[in-house]
């Protein structure tokens, strides 16, 4: 990152589908970019929903791939073209995408892969945005590189994208896709424009990666459970990782790693409320901006877990018990989520769906492997993570969590606290999930 204050800062800015759903939203994006000269590299998503019941362009394109050669294809493909032409017309731009539409249709006729078709949503939106801004257009297929097997090639991408983009004063780079060595388009998973933005930010060593969406950053918990929860001002990458795993989703999980490695902060911002500072995601809790009085940073959770409970006297003195239990799960291709344990007990938390219909086999295999005194499986478990860098300096945080939950008559079925004291995870009955989240929030947020 730039350390010389005389060198202009560089920002990479990504805009989600809702931020570029129609011409009105495009103009908001234009205003945001023009308000800050450091916003020089822009990553657009494909047009999202304009209203409830609307369809995202990427979904329309994937439907076209499935419908090609059938009666419904022409009508749907025409609707996609009209969507883009409507944006162009409403913006008053002198640009035609007719040749691009023709190429997509020809590719479909030739039996192209779904990745190519899905990527055209970002590609076409990028061309329109570049024209609106007067920016250079750089096809992501030229700078975001995958290997022959379809694995992202970070080293080659850093070199290629960095060299290309640093030679330009500005650029619009479509999100979501790149290309293999033979030129075949390869997409990231859905929501992959977040990843493209992070990759570009790392390649140009940006000072900040701004991710613009339709929310003003992260909230301390799900607003569908707690009304108007407090917004998180600053969060570390580690805290974000914990909350994202437990279901708190604002940006793609994989978009964290490229910028985390480079020490580049992420700023989650709201296209519809650009004056809001949003949430800043930073590498270190030692950052000056991290100073606050909050003990916890956020609460997140999800349902759908089962726990395999194993009891055996003197388990701690028998070599390899844990290894043999996990080997059974590995052989059955079942991933575990948590491993809370005691001296003579071991619990393995797994996703309920991953063992559905296989419960008897799991019990029999583990019994054969370790000969436990008792073994059973409990289902319909919900896990709730209480996450916060402030917990390490606040005595009695765990006690406050457990006391508050007990006061509401909620039975805690599992407890798992990480050694870093960054999070506490509790398991409750799925029927108690929402009430538990509310109870913990109200205990720590006045």
Protein backbone atom coordinates (compact mmCIF):
# COMPACT_ATOMS: atom_id res chain seq x y z
CA UNK A 1 0.00 0.00 0.00
CA UNK A 2 1.06 3.56 -0.53
CA UNK A 3 3.01 4.88 2.47
CA UNK A 4 4.00 8.22 0.95
CA UNK A 5 1.28 10.76 1.70
CA UNK A 6 2.12 12.59 -1.55
CA UNK A 7 1.14 9.54 -3.59
CA UNK A 8 -2.61 9.42 -4.36
CA UNK A 9 -4.36 6.50 -2.70
CA UNK A 10 -5.81 3.73 -4.86
CA UNK A 11 -9.18 2.14 -4.22
CA UNK A 12 -10.73 -0.89 -5.87
CA UNK A 13 -14.51 -0.69 -5.78
CA UNK A 14 -16.93 -3.52 -6.42
CA UNK A 15 -20.65 -2.99 -7.00
CA UNK A 16 -23.17 -5.79 -6.48
CA UNK A 17 -26.11 -6.71 -8.68
CA UNK A 18 -28.63 -4.59 -6.81
CA UNK A 19 -26.30 -1.60 -7.24
CA UNK A 20 -26.39 -2.02 -11.03
CA UNK A 21 -29.90 -3.34 -11.58
CA UNK A 22 -31.14 -0.44 -13.72
CA UNK A 23 -30.17 3.00 -15.08
CA UNK A 24 -31.10 4.78 -11.85
CA UNK A 25 -28.69 2.59 -9.93
CA UNK A 26 -25.98 3.09 -12.56
CA UNK A 27 -26.19 6.83 -11.99
CA UNK A 28 -25.77 6.34 -8.24
CA UNK A 29 -22.64 4.31 -8.95
CA UNK A 30 -21.33 7.00 -11.29
CA UNK A 31 -21.83 9.66 -8.61
CA UNK A 32 -20.02 7.53 -6.00
CA UNK A 33 -17.02 6.93 -8.26
CA UNK A 34 -16.75 10.53 -9.41
CA UNK A 35 -16.91 11.79 -5.81
CA UNK A 36 -13.52 10.20 -5.06
CA UNK A 37 -10.68 10.30 -7.64
CA UNK A 38 -8.95 7.38 -5.91
CA UNK A 39 -11.73 5.01 -7.03
CA UNK A 40 -9.96 3.98 -10.21
CA UNK A 41 -10.58 0.23 -10.54
CA UNK A 42 -14.22 -0.82 -10.70
CA UNK A 43 -15.65 -4.36 -10.60
CA UNK A 44 -19.32 -4.68 -11.61
CA UNK A 45 -21.71 -7.57 -11.06
CA UNK A 46 -24.49 -8.52 -13.46
CA UNK A 47 -27.82 -6.70 -13.07
CA UNK A 48 -29.70 -7.93 -10.02
CA UNK A 49 -33.36 -7.72 -9.10
CA UNK A 50 -35.10 -4.38 -9.65
CA UNK A 51 -38.10 -5.29 -7.51
CA UNK A 52 -39.60 -8.22 -5.62
CA UNK A 53 -40.39 -10.99 -8.07
CA UNK A 54 -37.85 -9.80 -10.63
CA UNK A 55 -35.20 -12.19 -11.99
CA UNK A 56 -31.43 -11.67 -11.89
CA UNK A 57 -29.80 -11.54 -15.31
CA UNK A 58 -27.38 -14.34 -14.41
CA UNK A 59 -30.34 -16.62 -13.65
CA UNK A 60 -31.90 -15.65 -16.98
CA UNK A 61 -28.68 -16.48 -18.81
CA UNK A 62 -28.41 -19.88 -17.13
CA UNK A 63 -32.02 -20.58 -18.10
CA UNK A 64 -31.12 -19.70 -21.69
CA UNK A 65 -28.37 -22.31 -21.59
CA UNK A 66 -30.88 -24.91 -20.42
CA UNK A 67 -33.60 -23.85 -22.87
CA UNK A 68 -31.54 -23.45 -26.06
CA UNK A 69 -33.27 -25.18 -28.94
CA UNK A 70 -36.67 -25.12 -27.23
CA UNK A 71 -39.68 -22.89 -27.78
CA UNK A 72 -39.04 -20.67 -24.77
CA UNK A 73 -35.45 -19.72 -25.62
CA UNK A 74 -36.03 -16.84 -28.05
CA UNK A 75 -38.42 -15.02 -25.75
CA UNK A 76 -36.05 -15.27 -22.79
CA UNK A 77 -32.96 -14.28 -24.77
CA UNK A 78 -34.82 -11.28 -26.18
CA UNK A 79 -35.81 -10.26 -22.65
CA UNK A 80 -32.14 -10.25 -21.62
CA UNK A 81 -31.17 -8.08 -24.59
CA UNK A 82 -34.03 -5.71 -23.83
CA UNK A 83 -32.87 -5.45 -20.22
CA UNK A 84 -29.45 -4.20 -21.29
CA UNK A 85 -30.79 -2.06 -24.12
CA UNK A 86 -33.18 -0.42 -21.67
CA UNK A 87 -30.31 0.54 -19.38
CA UNK A 88 -28.34 1.93 -22.33
CA UNK A 89 -31.33 3.92 -23.58
CA UNK A 90 -32.23 5.31 -20.16
CA UNK A 91 -28.61 6.43 -19.66
CA UNK A 92 -28.52 8.03 -23.12
CA UNK A 93 -25.32 6.21 -24.06
CA UNK A 94 -23.95 5.85 -27.57
CA UNK A 95 -23.10 2.16 -27.41
CA UNK A 96 -24.45 -1.00 -29.03
CA UNK A 97 -24.12 -4.51 -27.69
CA UNK A 98 -25.69 -6.21 -30.71
CA UNK A 99 -22.42 -7.88 -31.74
CA UNK A 100 -22.01 -9.22 -28.20
CA UNK A 101 -25.56 -10.62 -28.17
CA UNK A 102 -24.79 -12.34 -31.47
CA UNK A 103 -21.62 -13.92 -30.05
CA UNK A 104 -23.50 -15.27 -27.04
CA UNK A 105 -26.20 -16.78 -29.25
CA UNK A 106 -23.58 -18.34 -31.52
CA UNK A 107 -21.74 -19.77 -28.52
CA UNK A 108 -24.97 -21.32 -27.26
CA UNK A 109 -25.59 -22.83 -30.67
CA UNK A 110 -22.09 -24.32 -30.56
CA UNK A 111 -22.79 -25.97 -27.22
CA UNK A 112 -20.71 -23.68 -24.98
CA UNK A 113 -20.27 -24.38 -21.29
CA UNK A 114 -22.52 -22.85 -18.63
CA UNK A 115 -19.60 -20.85 -17.22
CA UNK A 116 -19.29 -18.81 -20.42
CA UNK A 117 -22.99 -17.99 -20.56
CA UNK A 118 -23.18 -17.13 -16.86
CA UNK A 119 -20.20 -14.77 -17.16
CA UNK A 120 -21.81 -12.65 -19.87
CA UNK A 121 -23.98 -10.84 -17.32
CA UNK A 122 -20.94 -9.16 -15.77
CA UNK A 123 -19.21 -8.77 -19.12
CA UNK A 124 -22.07 -6.81 -20.71
CA UNK A 125 -22.70 -4.74 -17.58
CA UNK A 126 -18.99 -3.91 -17.49
CA UNK A 127 -19.07 -2.58 -21.02
CA UNK A 128 -21.99 -0.29 -20.21
CA UNK A 129 -20.42 0.97 -16.99
CA UNK A 130 -17.07 1.63 -18.68
CA UNK A 131 -18.84 3.72 -21.32
CA UNK A 132 -20.81 5.65 -18.69
CA UNK A 133 -17.66 6.45 -16.68
CA UNK A 134 -15.33 6.99 -19.60
CA UNK A 135 -13.06 4.27 -18.16
CA UNK A 136 -10.98 1.62 -19.89
CA UNK A 137 -12.69 -1.77 -20.23
CA UNK A 138 -10.53 -4.77 -19.33
CA UNK A 139 -11.95 -8.24 -19.94
CA UNK A 140 -11.47 -10.30 -16.78
CA UNK A 141 -10.61 -13.30 -19.00
CA UNK A 142 -7.37 -11.51 -19.92
CA UNK A 143 -6.12 -10.99 -16.35
CA UNK A 144 -7.89 -13.43 -13.97
CA UNK A 145 -6.16 -16.72 -14.63
CA UNK A 146 -7.03 -20.34 -13.88
CA UNK A 147 -4.92 -23.43 -14.57
CA UNK A 148 -5.87 -26.29 -16.92
CA UNK A 149 -7.83 -28.05 -14.15
CA UNK A 150 -9.86 -24.93 -13.37
CA UNK A 151 -8.05 -23.94 -10.18
CA UNK A 152 -7.45 -20.24 -9.62
CA UNK A 153 -3.79 -19.33 -10.27
CA UNK A 154 -3.06 -16.56 -7.77
CA UNK A 155 0.61 -16.11 -8.64
CA UNK A 156 0.06 -15.76 -12.39
CA UNK A 157 -2.95 -13.51 -11.84
CA UNK A 158 -1.08 -11.15 -9.51
CA UNK A 159 1.66 -10.73 -12.10
CA UNK A 160 -0.64 -10.40 -15.12
CA UNK A 161 -3.35 -8.24 -13.56
CA UNK A 162 -0.87 -6.05 -11.72
CA UNK A 163 1.13 -5.35 -14.86
CA UNK A 164 -1.93 -4.63 -17.00
CA UNK A 165 -3.91 -2.52 -14.57
CA UNK A 166 -1.03 -0.44 -13.25
CA UNK A 167 -0.39 0.70 -16.83
CA UNK A 168 -3.91 2.19 -16.96
CA UNK A 169 -5.19 5.28 -15.20
CA UNK A 170 -8.54 3.57 -14.62
CA UNK A 171 -10.39 0.40 -15.56
CA UNK A 172 -13.67 -1.47 -15.32
CA UNK A 173 -13.09 -5.21 -14.87
CA UNK A 174 -16.16 -7.50 -14.90
CA UNK A 175 -16.47 -9.68 -11.82
CA UNK A 176 -17.19 -13.39 -11.38
CA UNK A 177 -14.96 -14.98 -14.02
CA UNK A 178 -11.53 -15.47 -15.57
CA UNK A 179 -10.06 -17.91 -18.08
CA UNK A 180 -7.99 -21.07 -18.39
CA UNK A 181 -4.78 -21.10 -20.48
CA UNK A 182 -6.73 -22.13 -23.61
CA UNK A 183 -9.07 -19.14 -23.20
CA UNK A 184 -12.03 -21.13 -21.86
CA UNK A 185 -14.03 -18.97 -19.47
CA UNK A 186 -14.14 -20.19 -15.86
CA UNK A 187 -16.38 -18.67 -13.21
CA UNK A 188 -16.06 -18.49 -9.47
CA UNK A 189 -19.00 -19.67 -7.38
CA UNK A 190 -22.08 -17.43 -7.29
CA UNK A 191 -21.26 -14.12 -5.65
CA UNK A 192 -17.78 -14.38 -7.12
CA UNK A 193 -17.58 -10.71 -8.08
CA UNK A 194 -16.55 -10.18 -4.44
CA UNK A 195 -13.59 -12.47 -5.13
CA UNK A 196 -12.64 -10.63 -8.32
CA UNK A 197 -12.61 -7.34 -6.43
CA UNK A 198 -10.33 -8.77 -3.75
CA UNK A 199 -8.00 -10.28 -6.37
CA UNK A 200 -7.73 -6.97 -8.23
CA UNK A 201 -7.13 -5.10 -4.96
CA UNK A 202 -4.25 -7.43 -4.15
CA UNK A 203 -2.81 -7.29 -7.67
CA UNK A 204 -2.57 -3.49 -7.67
CA UNK A 205 -1.81 -3.32 -3.91
CA UNK A 206 -4.72 -1.00 -3.33
CA UNK A 207 -5.03 1.05 -0.17
CA UNK A 208 -8.58 -0.15 0.36
CA UNK A 209 -11.13 -2.47 -1.22
CA UNK A 210 -14.64 -0.99 -1.15
CA UNK A 211 -17.46 -3.47 -1.55
CA UNK A 212 -20.69 -1.63 -2.38
CA UNK A 213 -23.96 -3.44 -1.86
CA UNK A 214 -27.51 -2.72 -0.64
CA UNK A 215 -26.73 -2.80 3.09
CA UNK A 216 -24.62 -0.49 5.26
CA UNK A 217 -22.17 -3.12 6.41
CA UNK A 218 -22.47 -5.89 8.97
CA UNK A 219 -25.03 -5.94 11.76
CA UNK A 220 -24.37 -7.50 15.16
CA UNK A 221 -26.99 -10.15 14.48
CA UNK A 222 -29.73 -11.16 12.06
CA UNK A 223 -32.32 -8.33 11.76
CA UNK A 224 -34.97 -10.98 11.12
CA UNK A 225 -34.45 -12.11 14.72
CA UNK A 226 -33.55 -8.86 16.51
CA UNK A 227 -35.21 -5.64 15.39
CA UNK A 228 -32.76 -2.93 14.32
CA UNK A 229 -29.57 -4.54 15.65
CA UNK A 230 -26.50 -2.38 16.14
CA UNK A 231 -24.18 -1.96 13.17
CA UNK A 232 -20.59 -3.22 13.42
CA UNK A 233 -18.22 -0.32 12.77
CA UNK A 234 -14.93 -2.23 12.61
CA UNK A 235 -14.28 -5.97 12.55
CA UNK A 236 -11.15 -8.09 12.12
CA UNK A 237 -10.76 -10.71 9.41
CA UNK A 238 -10.73 -13.43 12.09
CA UNK A 239 -14.00 -12.24 13.61
CA UNK A 240 -15.55 -12.02 10.16
CA UNK A 241 -14.44 -15.56 9.38
CA UNK A 242 -16.13 -16.87 12.52
CA UNK A 243 -19.38 -14.99 11.88
CA UNK A 244 -19.46 -15.85 8.16
CA UNK A 245 -19.06 -19.55 8.89
CA UNK A 246 -22.07 -19.38 11.19
CA UNK A 247 -24.24 -17.78 8.54
CA UNK A 248 -23.59 -14.03 8.64
CA UNK A 249 -23.32 -13.28 4.92
CA UNK A 250 -22.69 -9.89 3.36
CA UNK A 251 -19.81 -10.75 1.03
CA UNK A 252 -18.36 -13.94 -0.41
CA UNK A 253 -16.25 -15.83 2.17
CA UNK A 254 -13.39 -16.47 -0.30
CA UNK A 255 -13.03 -12.75 -1.00
CA UNK A 256 -11.40 -12.30 2.40
CA UNK A 257 -8.20 -14.20 1.72
CA UNK A 258 -6.51 -12.26 -1.12
CA UNK A 259 -6.76 -8.94 0.69
CA UNK A 260 -6.08 -10.41 4.13
CA UNK A 261 -2.75 -11.75 2.91
CA UNK A 262 -1.86 -8.32 1.56
CA UNK A 263 -3.08 -6.45 4.65
CA UNK A 264 -5.63 -4.48 2.63
CA UNK A 265 -8.76 -3.41 4.54
CA UNK A 266 -12.26 -3.99 3.15
CA UNK A 267 -14.98 -1.38 3.53
CA UNK A 268 -18.57 -2.59 3.15
CA UNK A 269 -20.67 0.33 1.88
CA UNK A 270 -24.27 0.99 0.84
CA UNK A 271 -24.86 2.24 -2.72
CA UNK A 272 -28.25 3.63 -1.67
CA UNK A 273 -26.79 5.43 1.36
CA UNK A 274 -23.23 6.44 0.37
CA UNK A 275 -22.80 8.82 3.31
CA UNK A 276 -22.88 5.88 5.72
CA UNK A 277 -19.32 4.82 6.59
CA UNK A 278 -20.36 1.16 6.66
CA UNK A 279 -18.22 -1.58 8.19
CA UNK A 280 -14.42 -1.63 8.00
CA UNK A 281 -12.74 -5.05 7.95
CA UNK A 282 -9.12 -4.88 9.08
CA UNK A 283 -6.28 -7.31 9.67
CA UNK A 284 -5.28 -6.42 13.23
CA UNK A 285 -7.17 -5.64 16.40
CA UNK A 286 -4.30 -3.26 17.22
CA UNK A 287 -5.60 -0.81 14.62
CA UNK A 288 -6.52 2.52 16.22
CA UNK A 289 -9.98 2.35 14.67
CA UNK A 290 -10.64 -0.81 16.69
CA UNK A 291 -10.89 0.99 20.02
CA UNK A 292 -14.39 0.60 21.45
CA UNK A 293 -16.17 -0.59 24.59
CA UNK A 294 -18.01 -3.53 23.03
CA UNK A 295 -17.29 -6.90 24.63
CA UNK A 296 -18.76 -8.83 21.71
CA UNK A 297 -18.63 -7.97 18.02
CA UNK A 298 -21.45 -10.10 16.69
CA UNK A 299 -23.75 -13.08 17.13
CA UNK A 300 -24.52 -15.58 14.38
CA UNK A 301 -25.83 -19.08 14.15
CA UNK A 302 -27.65 -21.69 12.16
CA UNK A 303 -29.76 -24.78 12.54
CA UNK A 304 -29.39 -28.27 11.13
CA UNK A 305 -26.71 -29.96 13.25
CA UNK A 306 -26.41 -33.35 14.93
CA UNK A 307 -23.97 -34.38 17.65
CA UNK A 308 -22.41 -37.81 18.09
CA UNK A 309 -21.82 -38.34 21.84
CA UNK A 310 -19.18 -40.89 22.88
CA UNK A 311 -18.43 -41.91 26.48
CA UNK A 312 -15.65 -44.22 27.64
CA UNK A 313 -13.97 -44.59 31.01
CA UNK A 314 -10.26 -43.63 30.97
CA UNK A 315 -10.59 -42.32 27.42
CA UNK A 316 -7.85 -39.77 28.08
CA UNK A 317 -5.36 -42.55 28.80
CA UNK A 318 -6.14 -44.62 25.71
CA UNK A 319 -3.99 -43.67 22.77
CA UNK A 320 -5.70 -42.85 19.46
CA UNK A 321 -9.39 -42.82 20.42
CA UNK A 322 -10.06 -39.46 18.80
CA UNK A 323 -8.06 -40.42 15.74
CA UNK A 324 -10.04 -43.64 15.23
CA UNK A 325 -13.38 -41.85 15.61
CA UNK A 326 -12.42 -39.23 13.05
CA UNK A 327 -11.04 -41.92 10.73
CA UNK A 328 -14.49 -43.54 10.67
CA UNK A 329 -16.02 -40.23 9.59
CA UNK A 330 -13.26 -39.69 7.03
CA UNK A 331 -13.86 -43.12 5.52
CA UNK A 332 -17.57 -42.28 5.27
CA UNK A 333 -16.72 -38.87 3.75
CA UNK A 334 -18.39 -36.97 6.59
CA UNK A 335 -16.87 -33.65 7.70
CA UNK A 336 -17.05 -32.62 11.34
CA UNK A 337 -17.73 -29.06 12.50
CA UNK A 338 -16.73 -29.05 16.18
CA UNK A 339 -15.13 -31.41 18.71
CA UNK A 340 -16.08 -30.44 22.27
CA UNK A 341 -14.69 -33.01 24.70
CA UNK A 342 -14.03 -33.96 28.32
CA UNK A 343 -11.74 -36.42 30.07
CA UNK A 344 -13.97 -39.42 29.36
CA UNK A 345 -16.26 -37.94 26.72
CA UNK A 346 -16.02 -36.81 23.13
CA UNK A 347 -18.67 -35.13 21.03
CA UNK A 348 -18.53 -34.71 17.27
CA UNK A 349 -20.78 -32.09 15.73
CA UNK A 350 -21.78 -32.70 12.10
CA UNK A 351 -24.36 -31.36 9.69
CA UNK A 352 -27.58 -33.33 10.12
CA UNK A 353 -28.06 -33.80 6.38
CA UNK A 354 -24.59 -35.34 6.00
CA UNK A 355 -25.54 -38.32 8.19
CA UNK A 356 -29.22 -38.65 7.33
CA UNK A 357 -30.08 -42.31 6.81
CA UNK A 358 -26.59 -43.39 7.92
CA UNK A 359 -26.95 -43.06 11.67
CA UNK A 360 -26.94 -46.80 12.39
CA UNK A 361 -23.87 -47.37 10.25
CA UNK A 362 -21.99 -44.53 12.00
CA UNK A 363 -22.80 -45.91 15.44
CA UNK A 364 -21.77 -49.44 14.45
CA UNK A 365 -18.49 -48.33 12.88
CA UNK A 366 -17.45 -46.11 15.80
CA UNK A 367 -18.41 -48.85 18.25
CA UNK A 368 -16.20 -51.31 16.38
CA UNK A 369 -13.36 -48.77 16.28
CA UNK A 370 -13.23 -47.62 19.93
CA UNK A 371 -15.61 -49.88 21.94
CA UNK A 372 -17.29 -47.03 23.87
CA UNK A 373 -19.28 -47.48 27.08
CA UNK A 374 -22.06 -45.41 25.57
CA UNK A 375 -22.71 -43.78 22.20
CA UNK A 376 -25.70 -41.94 20.76
CA UNK A 377 -26.68 -39.29 18.23
CA UNK A 378 -28.72 -36.21 19.09
CA UNK A 379 -30.31 -34.23 16.28
CA UNK A 380 -32.17 -30.94 15.76
CA UNK A 381 -29.34 -28.92 17.23
CA UNK A 382 -28.74 -25.23 16.51
CA UNK A 383 -25.33 -23.64 17.03
CA UNK A 384 -24.86 -20.01 18.02
CA UNK A 385 -21.48 -18.27 17.94
CA UNK A 386 -20.78 -15.27 20.17
CA UNK A 387 -17.75 -13.59 18.61
CA UNK A 388 -15.64 -10.70 19.84
CA UNK A 389 -12.04 -9.58 20.23
CA UNK A 390 -13.16 -7.79 23.41
CA UNK A 391 -13.96 -11.06 25.20
CA UNK A 392 -10.30 -11.72 25.99
CA UNK A 393 -10.09 -8.57 28.14
CA UNK A 394 -13.57 -8.81 29.71
CA UNK A 395 -13.72 -11.22 32.64
CA UNK A 396 -16.88 -13.26 32.98
CA UNK A 397 -18.10 -13.07 29.38
CA UNK A 398 -18.88 -16.80 29.19
CA UNK A 399 -20.67 -16.61 32.55
CA UNK A 400 -22.84 -13.75 31.27
CA UNK A 401 -23.78 -15.77 28.19
CA UNK A 402 -24.70 -18.90 30.16
CA UNK A 403 -26.51 -17.00 32.93
CA UNK A 404 -28.60 -14.98 30.50
CA UNK A 405 -29.62 -18.08 28.57
CA UNK A 406 -30.42 -20.04 31.74
CA UNK A 407 -32.52 -17.16 33.02
CA UNK A 408 -34.78 -17.64 29.99
CA UNK A 409 -35.17 -21.34 30.78
CA UNK A 410 -33.18 -22.40 27.71
CA UNK A 411 -31.21 -25.64 27.99
CA UNK A 412 -27.65 -25.46 26.65
CA UNK A 413 -26.85 -28.82 25.05
CA UNK A 414 -23.26 -28.10 24.03
CA UNK A 415 -20.47 -25.62 24.82
CA UNK A 416 -17.32 -25.08 22.77
CA UNK A 417 -14.91 -22.20 23.39
CA UNK A 418 -11.91 -21.60 21.14
CA UNK A 419 -8.45 -21.37 22.71
CA UNK A 420 -8.01 -17.86 21.31
CA UNK A 421 -10.99 -16.65 23.38
CA UNK A 422 -12.35 -15.03 20.25
CA UNK A 423 -15.60 -16.97 20.28
CA UNK A 424 -17.96 -19.04 22.37
CA UNK A 425 -20.21 -21.53 20.61
CA UNK A 426 -23.26 -22.99 22.32
CA UNK A 427 -25.70 -25.61 21.09
CA UNK A 428 -29.42 -25.40 21.84
CA UNK A 429 -32.57 -27.06 20.57
CA UNK A 430 -33.57 -25.68 17.19
CA UNK A 431 -36.86 -24.53 18.73
CA UNK A 432 -34.87 -22.27 21.10
CA UNK A 433 -32.63 -20.76 18.41
CA UNK A 434 -34.27 -17.36 17.87
CA UNK A 435 -34.95 -16.76 21.54
CA UNK A 436 -31.33 -17.59 22.43
CA UNK A 437 -29.97 -15.08 19.91
CA UNK A 438 -32.28 -12.37 21.26
CA UNK A 439 -31.32 -13.17 24.85
CA UNK A 440 -27.58 -12.96 24.22
CA UNK A 441 -27.94 -9.75 22.19
CA UNK A 442 -29.97 -8.08 24.91
CA UNK A 443 -27.43 -9.13 27.54
CA UNK A 444 -24.54 -7.35 25.81
CA UNK A 445 -26.18 -4.52 23.87
CA UNK A 446 -28.13 -1.97 25.82
